[in-house]
Amino acid sequence: MNVGAPTGHAELGEAELGAWRGLVRIHAALARELDAELEARHGLPLSSYEVLRCLSKAPGGRLRMAELAEHVLLSRSGMTRLIDRLEREGMVSRSTCDKDGRGCYAVLTDQGREVVEQARSTHIAVVRDGFLRHFSEDEMRALARLWDRVLPSAGS
């Protein structure tokens, strides 16, 4: 907690409220814009893009379902439903974990890899235009450090 910040359950101060509301509003606005652009241009919701992107970066294009849910900040049940949909659409498949047979991997298919590659430029353009262009390189590094202070590896 910062020195001089109100303590306990007092109302948020002006600076606190501005910082918090700014984060929430910017995140919501950018997520809506990303979702709309990805859906319009590629028929791919943002949550599906995030899953496919994570899988495309993973060794062998596969991750355990629980690990994938943690990466994209979804509940396990939400991840199961999303993987069900992506599997029906041919973008992922499932395979059982060899070691214990209890877990399950989500595996990126060739079709999924193609879709995420096509959508990547849209994602990058929206993120740069809607957010990153407002900051210098040094400011972006500072933001990444600040996010890591709140949630380690959040800026990674």
N, C-alpha and C. Protein backbone atom coordinates (compact mmCIF):
# COMPACT_ATOMS: atom_id res chain seq x y z
N MET A 1 0.85 -1.18 0.00
CA MET A 1 0.00 0.00 0.00
C MET A 1 0.89 1.23 0.00
N ASN A 2 0.52 2.25 -0.71
CA ASN A 2 1.29 3.49 -0.75
C ASN A 2 1.17 4.26 0.55
N VAL A 3 2.26 4.90 0.94
CA VAL A 3 2.25 5.77 2.11
C VAL A 3 1.33 6.94 1.80
N GLY A 4 0.51 7.32 2.75
CA GLY A 4 -0.39 8.46 2.56
C GLY A 4 -1.72 8.08 1.92
N ALA A 5 -1.87 6.83 1.50
CA ALA A 5 -3.14 6.41 0.92
C ALA A 5 -4.12 6.15 2.06
N PRO A 6 -5.39 6.43 1.84
CA PRO A 6 -6.38 6.14 2.87
C PRO A 6 -6.33 4.66 3.25
N THR A 7 -6.62 4.38 4.53
CA THR A 7 -6.55 3.00 5.00
C THR A 7 -7.93 2.47 5.32
N GLY A 8 -8.00 1.19 5.54
CA GLY A 8 -9.24 0.56 5.95
C GLY A 8 -10.29 0.61 4.87
N HIS A 9 -11.52 0.86 5.31
CA HIS A 9 -12.66 0.81 4.39
C HIS A 9 -13.18 2.20 4.03
N ALA A 10 -12.33 3.19 4.17
CA ALA A 10 -12.72 4.55 3.77
C ALA A 10 -12.97 4.56 2.26
N GLU A 11 -13.75 5.52 1.82
CA GLU A 11 -14.00 5.68 0.39
C GLU A 11 -12.66 5.85 -0.34
N LEU A 12 -12.64 5.47 -1.60
CA LEU A 12 -11.44 5.67 -2.39
C LEU A 12 -11.19 7.16 -2.58
N GLY A 13 -9.92 7.54 -2.47
CA GLY A 13 -9.56 8.92 -2.72
C GLY A 13 -9.62 9.24 -4.21
N GLU A 14 -9.51 10.50 -4.53
CA GLU A 14 -9.61 10.93 -5.93
C GLU A 14 -8.56 10.25 -6.81
N ALA A 15 -7.32 10.21 -6.36
CA ALA A 15 -6.26 9.57 -7.14
C ALA A 15 -6.50 8.07 -7.26
N GLU A 16 -6.91 7.45 -6.14
CA GLU A 16 -7.19 6.01 -6.17
C GLU A 16 -8.32 5.69 -7.13
N LEU A 17 -9.38 6.44 -7.04
CA LEU A 17 -10.55 6.23 -7.90
C LEU A 17 -10.19 6.44 -9.37
N GLY A 18 -9.43 7.49 -9.64
CA GLY A 18 -9.01 7.76 -11.02
C GLY A 18 -8.15 6.63 -11.58
N ALA A 19 -7.22 6.13 -10.78
CA ALA A 19 -6.35 5.04 -11.24
C ALA A 19 -7.17 3.77 -11.47
N TRP A 20 -8.04 3.44 -10.52
CA TRP A 20 -8.83 2.22 -10.64
C TRP A 20 -9.82 2.30 -11.79
N ARG A 21 -10.60 3.38 -11.83
CA ARG A 21 -11.60 3.51 -12.90
C ARG A 21 -10.94 3.58 -14.27
N GLY A 22 -9.80 4.25 -14.34
CA GLY A 22 -9.09 4.31 -15.61
C GLY A 22 -8.71 2.93 -16.11
N LEU A 23 -8.15 2.11 -15.23
CA LEU A 23 -7.77 0.75 -15.61
C LEU A 23 -8.99 -0.05 -16.07
N VAL A 24 -10.05 -0.01 -15.29
CA VAL A 24 -11.25 -0.79 -15.61
C VAL A 24 -11.88 -0.31 -16.92
N ARG A 25 -12.01 0.99 -17.08
CA ARG A 25 -12.66 1.53 -18.30
C ARG A 25 -11.83 1.27 -19.55
N ILE A 26 -10.52 1.47 -19.45
CA ILE A 26 -9.67 1.23 -20.62
C ILE A 26 -9.67 -0.24 -20.99
N HIS A 27 -9.56 -1.11 -19.99
CA HIS A 27 -9.60 -2.54 -20.29
C HIS A 27 -10.91 -2.92 -20.97
N ALA A 28 -12.02 -2.48 -20.42
CA ALA A 28 -13.33 -2.83 -20.98
C ALA A 28 -13.48 -2.30 -22.41
N ALA A 29 -13.08 -1.06 -22.63
CA ALA A 29 -13.22 -0.46 -23.96
C ALA A 29 -12.34 -1.18 -24.98
N LEU A 30 -11.10 -1.45 -24.61
CA LEU A 30 -10.20 -2.14 -25.55
C LEU A 30 -10.63 -3.58 -25.79
N ALA A 31 -11.10 -4.27 -24.76
CA ALA A 31 -11.58 -5.64 -24.93
C ALA A 31 -12.79 -5.67 -25.87
N ARG A 32 -13.71 -4.71 -25.70
CA ARG A 32 -14.88 -4.63 -26.60
C ARG A 32 -14.43 -4.39 -28.04
N GLU A 33 -13.50 -3.45 -28.22
CA GLU A 33 -13.03 -3.14 -29.57
C GLU A 33 -12.31 -4.33 -30.19
N LEU A 34 -11.43 -4.97 -29.41
CA LEU A 34 -10.73 -6.15 -29.92
C LEU A 34 -11.71 -7.25 -30.29
N ASP A 35 -12.67 -7.51 -29.42
CA ASP A 35 -13.65 -8.56 -29.67
C ASP A 35 -14.44 -8.25 -30.95
N ALA A 36 -14.88 -7.01 -31.10
CA ALA A 36 -15.66 -6.62 -32.28
C ALA A 36 -14.84 -6.75 -33.56
N GLU A 37 -13.61 -6.29 -33.55
CA GLU A 37 -12.76 -6.35 -34.75
C GLU A 37 -12.41 -7.79 -35.12
N LEU A 38 -12.04 -8.59 -34.12
CA LEU A 38 -11.69 -9.98 -34.40
C LEU A 38 -12.91 -10.75 -34.91
N GLU A 39 -14.05 -10.48 -34.33
CA GLU A 39 -15.28 -11.15 -34.77
C GLU A 39 -15.65 -10.71 -36.19
N ALA A 40 -15.59 -9.40 -36.47
CA ALA A 40 -15.97 -8.89 -37.79
C ALA A 40 -15.02 -9.36 -38.89
N ARG A 41 -13.74 -9.34 -38.61
CA ARG A 41 -12.76 -9.67 -39.66
C ARG A 41 -12.43 -11.15 -39.77
N HIS A 42 -12.57 -11.89 -38.66
CA HIS A 42 -12.11 -13.28 -38.67
C HIS A 42 -13.14 -14.26 -38.10
N GLY A 43 -14.30 -13.75 -37.66
CA GLY A 43 -15.30 -14.62 -37.06
C GLY A 43 -14.81 -15.28 -35.78
N LEU A 44 -13.94 -14.56 -35.06
CA LEU A 44 -13.25 -15.14 -33.91
C LEU A 44 -13.39 -14.22 -32.70
N PRO A 45 -14.12 -14.64 -31.67
CA PRO A 45 -14.20 -13.81 -30.47
C PRO A 45 -12.83 -13.68 -29.80
N LEU A 46 -12.66 -12.62 -29.01
CA LEU A 46 -11.39 -12.37 -28.33
C LEU A 46 -10.97 -13.54 -27.45
N SER A 47 -11.90 -14.14 -26.72
CA SER A 47 -11.54 -15.27 -25.84
C SER A 47 -10.98 -16.44 -26.65
N SER A 48 -11.55 -16.70 -27.81
CA SER A 48 -11.05 -17.77 -28.67
C SER A 48 -9.67 -17.41 -29.21
N TYR A 49 -9.50 -16.16 -29.61
CA TYR A 49 -8.17 -15.71 -30.09
C TYR A 49 -7.12 -15.93 -29.01
N GLU A 50 -7.43 -15.53 -27.78
CA GLU A 50 -6.46 -15.66 -26.69
C GLU A 50 -6.06 -17.12 -26.46
N VAL A 51 -7.02 -18.02 -26.52
CA VAL A 51 -6.72 -19.45 -26.36
C VAL A 51 -5.83 -19.93 -27.51
N LEU A 52 -6.21 -19.60 -28.74
CA LEU A 52 -5.42 -20.04 -29.89
C LEU A 52 -4.01 -19.44 -29.86
N ARG A 53 -3.90 -18.16 -29.45
CA ARG A 53 -2.59 -17.52 -29.36
C ARG A 53 -1.72 -18.22 -28.32
N CYS A 54 -2.31 -18.52 -27.17
CA CYS A 54 -1.56 -19.23 -26.12
C CYS A 54 -1.06 -20.58 -26.62
N LEU A 55 -1.94 -21.31 -27.28
CA LEU A 55 -1.55 -22.61 -27.81
C LEU A 55 -0.47 -22.48 -28.88
N SER A 56 -0.55 -21.43 -29.71
CA SER A 56 0.44 -21.26 -30.78
C SER A 56 1.83 -20.98 -30.22
N LYS A 57 1.90 -20.43 -29.01
CA LYS A 57 3.18 -20.11 -28.37
C LYS A 57 3.72 -21.28 -27.55
N ALA A 58 2.86 -22.24 -27.23
CA ALA A 58 3.25 -23.36 -26.37
C ALA A 58 4.05 -24.41 -27.15
N PRO A 59 4.99 -25.07 -26.48
CA PRO A 59 5.75 -26.15 -27.14
C PRO A 59 4.80 -27.22 -27.69
N GLY A 60 4.96 -27.53 -28.95
CA GLY A 60 4.11 -28.53 -29.58
C GLY A 60 2.68 -28.08 -29.79
N GLY A 61 2.40 -26.79 -29.54
CA GLY A 61 1.05 -26.26 -29.73
C GLY A 61 0.03 -26.87 -28.79
N ARG A 62 0.50 -27.28 -27.58
CA ARG A 62 -0.42 -27.92 -26.65
C ARG A 62 -0.14 -27.49 -25.21
N LEU A 63 -1.22 -27.41 -24.45
CA LEU A 63 -1.15 -27.08 -23.03
C LEU A 63 -2.22 -27.88 -22.29
N ARG A 64 -1.94 -28.18 -21.03
CA ARG A 64 -2.96 -28.79 -20.18
C ARG A 64 -4.10 -27.79 -20.05
N MET A 65 -5.31 -28.31 -19.99
CA MET A 65 -6.49 -27.45 -19.92
C MET A 65 -6.43 -26.50 -18.71
N ALA A 66 -6.01 -27.00 -17.55
CA ALA A 66 -5.94 -26.16 -16.35
C ALA A 66 -4.92 -25.03 -16.53
N GLU A 67 -3.80 -25.34 -17.15
CA GLU A 67 -2.77 -24.33 -17.39
C GLU A 67 -3.26 -23.29 -18.39
N LEU A 68 -3.95 -23.73 -19.41
CA LEU A 68 -4.51 -22.83 -20.42
C LEU A 68 -5.54 -21.90 -19.79
N ALA A 69 -6.40 -22.43 -18.94
CA ALA A 69 -7.41 -21.62 -18.25
C ALA A 69 -6.74 -20.53 -17.42
N GLU A 70 -5.64 -20.89 -16.75
CA GLU A 70 -4.91 -19.92 -15.95
C GLU A 70 -4.29 -18.82 -16.82
N HIS A 71 -3.75 -19.20 -17.96
CA HIS A 71 -3.12 -18.23 -18.87
C HIS A 71 -4.12 -17.21 -19.40
N VAL A 72 -5.32 -17.65 -19.72
CA VAL A 72 -6.30 -16.74 -20.34
C VAL A 72 -7.35 -16.26 -19.35
N LEU A 73 -7.16 -16.55 -18.07
CA LEU A 73 -8.01 -16.06 -16.99
C LEU A 73 -9.47 -16.48 -17.15
N LEU A 74 -9.68 -17.75 -17.43
CA LEU A 74 -11.02 -18.32 -17.49
C LEU A 74 -11.14 -19.39 -16.40
N SER A 75 -12.36 -19.64 -15.96
CA SER A 75 -12.58 -20.75 -15.03
C SER A 75 -12.36 -22.05 -15.81
N ARG A 76 -12.17 -23.13 -15.08
CA ARG A 76 -12.00 -24.42 -15.75
C ARG A 76 -13.24 -24.80 -16.55
N SER A 77 -14.42 -24.52 -15.99
CA SER A 77 -15.65 -24.85 -16.72
C SER A 77 -15.81 -23.96 -17.95
N GLY A 78 -15.45 -22.69 -17.82
CA GLY A 78 -15.48 -21.79 -18.97
C GLY A 78 -14.51 -22.24 -20.05
N MET A 79 -13.34 -22.70 -19.64
CA MET A 79 -12.35 -23.19 -20.60
C MET A 79 -12.86 -24.44 -21.30
N THR A 80 -13.49 -25.33 -20.55
CA THR A 80 -14.03 -26.56 -21.15
C THR A 80 -15.05 -26.21 -22.23
N ARG A 81 -15.96 -25.29 -21.93
CA ARG A 81 -16.97 -24.89 -22.92
C ARG A 81 -16.32 -24.26 -24.16
N LEU A 82 -15.32 -23.42 -23.93
CA LEU A 82 -14.64 -22.76 -25.05
C LEU A 82 -13.89 -23.78 -25.91
N ILE A 83 -13.19 -24.71 -25.27
CA ILE A 83 -12.48 -25.75 -26.02
C ILE A 83 -13.47 -26.64 -26.77
N ASP A 84 -14.61 -26.93 -26.16
CA ASP A 84 -15.65 -27.70 -26.87
C ASP A 84 -16.01 -27.01 -28.18
N ARG A 85 -16.24 -25.70 -28.11
CA ARG A 85 -16.61 -24.94 -29.31
C ARG A 85 -15.48 -24.93 -30.34
N LEU A 86 -14.25 -24.66 -29.88
CA LEU A 86 -13.11 -24.62 -30.79
C LEU A 86 -12.84 -25.99 -31.42
N GLU A 87 -13.12 -27.03 -30.65
CA GLU A 87 -12.96 -28.39 -31.19
C GLU A 87 -14.00 -28.67 -32.28
N ARG A 88 -15.25 -28.26 -32.03
CA ARG A 88 -16.31 -28.42 -33.05
C ARG A 88 -15.96 -27.67 -34.34
N GLU A 89 -15.28 -26.52 -34.17
CA GLU A 89 -14.90 -25.71 -35.33
C GLU A 89 -13.60 -26.17 -35.98
N GLY A 90 -12.98 -27.20 -35.42
CA GLY A 90 -11.78 -27.78 -36.02
C GLY A 90 -10.48 -27.05 -35.71
N MET A 91 -10.51 -26.14 -34.73
CA MET A 91 -9.30 -25.35 -34.43
C MET A 91 -8.43 -25.96 -33.34
N VAL A 92 -9.01 -26.79 -32.51
CA VAL A 92 -8.23 -27.52 -31.48
C VAL A 92 -8.72 -28.95 -31.43
N SER A 93 -7.88 -29.78 -30.85
CA SER A 93 -8.28 -31.15 -30.51
C SER A 93 -7.86 -31.39 -29.07
N ARG A 94 -8.30 -32.49 -28.53
CA ARG A 94 -7.93 -32.86 -27.16
C ARG A 94 -7.10 -34.12 -27.21
N SER A 95 -6.18 -34.22 -26.25
CA SER A 95 -5.47 -35.49 -26.05
C SER A 95 -5.29 -35.68 -24.56
N THR A 96 -5.30 -36.93 -24.12
CA THR A 96 -5.14 -37.20 -22.69
C THR A 96 -3.67 -37.08 -22.32
N CYS A 97 -3.44 -36.75 -21.07
CA CYS A 97 -2.08 -36.66 -20.56
C CYS A 97 -1.53 -38.06 -20.38
N ASP A 98 -0.36 -38.30 -20.93
CA ASP A 98 0.25 -39.62 -20.88
C ASP A 98 0.59 -40.05 -19.46
N LYS A 99 1.02 -39.11 -18.64
CA LYS A 99 1.54 -39.46 -17.31
C LYS A 99 0.48 -40.04 -16.39
N ASP A 100 -0.66 -39.37 -16.28
CA ASP A 100 -1.63 -39.84 -15.29
C ASP A 100 -3.01 -40.15 -15.88
N GLY A 101 -3.25 -39.79 -17.11
CA GLY A 101 -4.52 -40.09 -17.74
C GLY A 101 -5.69 -39.28 -17.22
N ARG A 102 -5.48 -38.49 -16.16
CA ARG A 102 -6.58 -37.71 -15.59
C ARG A 102 -6.73 -36.37 -16.30
N GLY A 103 -5.62 -35.77 -16.64
CA GLY A 103 -5.66 -34.46 -17.27
C GLY A 103 -5.87 -34.56 -18.76
N CYS A 104 -6.03 -33.41 -19.36
CA CYS A 104 -6.29 -33.35 -20.79
C CYS A 104 -5.53 -32.18 -21.38
N TYR A 105 -4.98 -32.39 -22.55
CA TYR A 105 -4.31 -31.31 -23.28
C TYR A 105 -5.27 -30.74 -24.33
N ALA A 106 -5.19 -29.44 -24.53
CA ALA A 106 -5.79 -28.81 -25.69
C ALA A 106 -4.66 -28.68 -26.70
N VAL A 107 -4.91 -29.09 -27.93
CA VAL A 107 -3.87 -29.13 -28.96
C VAL A 107 -4.33 -28.30 -30.16
N LEU A 108 -3.48 -27.37 -30.58
CA LEU A 108 -3.79 -26.53 -31.72
C LEU A 108 -3.71 -27.35 -33.01
N THR A 109 -4.74 -27.25 -33.84
CA THR A 109 -4.73 -27.94 -35.14
C THR A 109 -4.13 -27.01 -36.20
N ASP A 110 -3.88 -27.55 -37.36
CA ASP A 110 -3.37 -26.72 -38.47
C ASP A 110 -4.36 -25.61 -38.80
N GLN A 111 -5.64 -25.93 -38.79
CA GLN A 111 -6.66 -24.91 -39.05
C GLN A 111 -6.62 -23.82 -37.99
N GLY A 112 -6.50 -24.21 -36.73
CA GLY A 112 -6.41 -23.24 -35.64
C GLY A 112 -5.19 -22.35 -35.78
N ARG A 113 -4.06 -22.95 -36.17
CA ARG A 113 -2.83 -22.16 -36.37
C ARG A 113 -3.02 -21.15 -37.49
N GLU A 114 -3.68 -21.57 -38.55
CA GLU A 114 -3.93 -20.67 -39.69
C GLU A 114 -4.84 -19.50 -39.27
N VAL A 115 -5.89 -19.80 -38.52
CA VAL A 115 -6.83 -18.77 -38.08
C VAL A 115 -6.14 -17.76 -37.16
N VAL A 116 -5.36 -18.23 -36.20
CA VAL A 116 -4.71 -17.31 -35.26
C VAL A 116 -3.65 -16.48 -35.99
N GLU A 117 -2.99 -17.05 -36.96
CA GLU A 117 -2.00 -16.27 -37.74
C GLU A 117 -2.70 -15.16 -38.53
N GLN A 118 -3.85 -15.46 -39.10
CA GLN A 118 -4.59 -14.45 -39.86
C GLN A 118 -5.10 -13.35 -38.94
N ALA A 119 -5.53 -13.71 -37.75
CA ALA A 119 -6.11 -12.74 -36.81
C ALA A 119 -5.05 -11.91 -36.07
N ARG A 120 -3.82 -12.40 -36.05
CA ARG A 120 -2.76 -11.73 -35.28
C ARG A 120 -2.58 -10.26 -35.70
N SER A 121 -2.59 -9.99 -36.99
CA SER A 121 -2.35 -8.61 -37.45
C SER A 121 -3.49 -7.68 -37.00
N THR A 122 -4.72 -8.18 -36.97
CA THR A 122 -5.85 -7.38 -36.47
C THR A 122 -5.65 -7.10 -34.99
N HIS A 123 -5.30 -8.11 -34.23
CA HIS A 123 -5.08 -7.94 -32.79
C HIS A 123 -3.99 -6.91 -32.54
N ILE A 124 -2.88 -7.04 -33.22
CA ILE A 124 -1.75 -6.11 -33.04
C ILE A 124 -2.16 -4.69 -33.41
N ALA A 125 -2.86 -4.52 -34.52
CA ALA A 125 -3.26 -3.19 -34.96
C ALA A 125 -4.18 -2.51 -33.95
N VAL A 126 -5.15 -3.25 -33.41
CA VAL A 126 -6.07 -2.66 -32.44
C VAL A 126 -5.35 -2.31 -31.14
N VAL A 127 -4.48 -3.19 -30.67
CA VAL A 127 -3.73 -2.92 -29.44
C VAL A 127 -2.82 -1.70 -29.62
N ARG A 128 -2.14 -1.64 -30.73
CA ARG A 128 -1.24 -0.49 -30.96
C ARG A 128 -2.02 0.80 -31.10
N ASP A 129 -3.09 0.79 -31.90
CA ASP A 129 -3.84 2.01 -32.16
C ASP A 129 -4.65 2.46 -30.94
N GLY A 130 -5.24 1.51 -30.24
CA GLY A 130 -6.11 1.87 -29.13
C GLY A 130 -5.40 2.10 -27.81
N PHE A 131 -4.16 1.60 -27.69
CA PHE A 131 -3.49 1.69 -26.39
C PHE A 131 -2.02 2.12 -26.51
N LEU A 132 -1.22 1.33 -27.16
CA LEU A 132 0.23 1.53 -27.13
C LEU A 132 0.70 2.85 -27.74
N ARG A 133 0.01 3.36 -28.74
CA ARG A 133 0.45 4.60 -29.39
C ARG A 133 0.44 5.81 -28.45
N HIS A 134 -0.25 5.67 -27.33
CA HIS A 134 -0.35 6.77 -26.37
C HIS A 134 0.86 6.86 -25.44
N PHE A 135 1.80 5.91 -25.55
CA PHE A 135 2.92 5.84 -24.63
C PHE A 135 4.24 5.73 -25.35
N SER A 136 5.27 6.30 -24.73
CA SER A 136 6.63 6.13 -25.24
C SER A 136 7.13 4.74 -24.84
N GLU A 137 8.24 4.33 -25.41
CA GLU A 137 8.86 3.05 -25.07
C GLU A 137 9.16 2.97 -23.57
N ASP A 138 9.71 4.05 -23.01
CA ASP A 138 10.02 4.08 -21.58
C ASP A 138 8.75 3.98 -20.73
N GLU A 139 7.69 4.64 -21.15
CA GLU A 139 6.43 4.57 -20.41
C GLU A 139 5.84 3.16 -20.45
N MET A 140 5.97 2.49 -21.59
CA MET A 140 5.47 1.12 -21.69
C MET A 140 6.25 0.19 -20.76
N ARG A 141 7.56 0.38 -20.69
CA ARG A 141 8.37 -0.42 -19.76
C ARG A 141 7.95 -0.14 -18.31
N ALA A 142 7.70 1.12 -18.01
CA ALA A 142 7.27 1.49 -16.66
C ALA A 142 5.91 0.86 -16.34
N LEU A 143 4.99 0.88 -17.30
CA LEU A 143 3.69 0.24 -17.09
C LEU A 143 3.85 -1.25 -16.81
N ALA A 144 4.70 -1.91 -17.58
CA ALA A 144 4.93 -3.35 -17.37
C ALA A 144 5.46 -3.60 -15.95
N ARG A 145 6.35 -2.74 -15.47
CA ARG A 145 6.87 -2.89 -14.10
C ARG A 145 5.75 -2.67 -13.08
N LEU A 146 4.89 -1.70 -13.32
CA LEU A 146 3.79 -1.44 -12.40
C LEU A 146 2.81 -2.61 -12.37
N TRP A 147 2.47 -3.18 -13.52
CA TRP A 147 1.57 -4.33 -13.54
C TRP A 147 2.19 -5.48 -12.75
N ASP A 148 3.51 -5.67 -12.91
CA ASP A 148 4.20 -6.75 -12.19
C ASP A 148 4.18 -6.53 -10.68
N ARG A 149 4.11 -5.29 -10.25
CA ARG A 149 4.03 -5.01 -8.83
C ARG A 149 2.69 -5.51 -8.26
N VAL A 150 1.64 -5.37 -9.06
CA VAL A 150 0.32 -5.80 -8.63
C VAL A 150 0.15 -7.32 -8.79
N LEU A 151 0.59 -7.84 -9.93
CA LEU A 151 0.46 -9.27 -10.23
C LEU A 151 1.73 -9.71 -10.94
N PRO A 152 2.66 -10.33 -10.21
CA PRO A 152 3.92 -10.74 -10.83
C PRO A 152 3.68 -11.52 -12.11
N SER A 153 4.45 -11.19 -13.13
CA SER A 153 4.41 -11.74 -14.48
C SER A 153 3.21 -11.25 -15.29
N ALA A 154 2.42 -10.30 -14.75
CA ALA A 154 1.29 -9.75 -15.51
C ALA A 154 1.78 -8.98 -16.72
N GLY A 155 2.92 -8.32 -16.61
CA GLY A 155 3.44 -7.54 -17.73
C GLY A 155 4.28 -8.35 -18.69
N SER A 156 4.41 -9.63 -18.43
CA SER A 156 5.24 -10.49 -19.29
C SER A 156 4.49 -10.91 -20.53
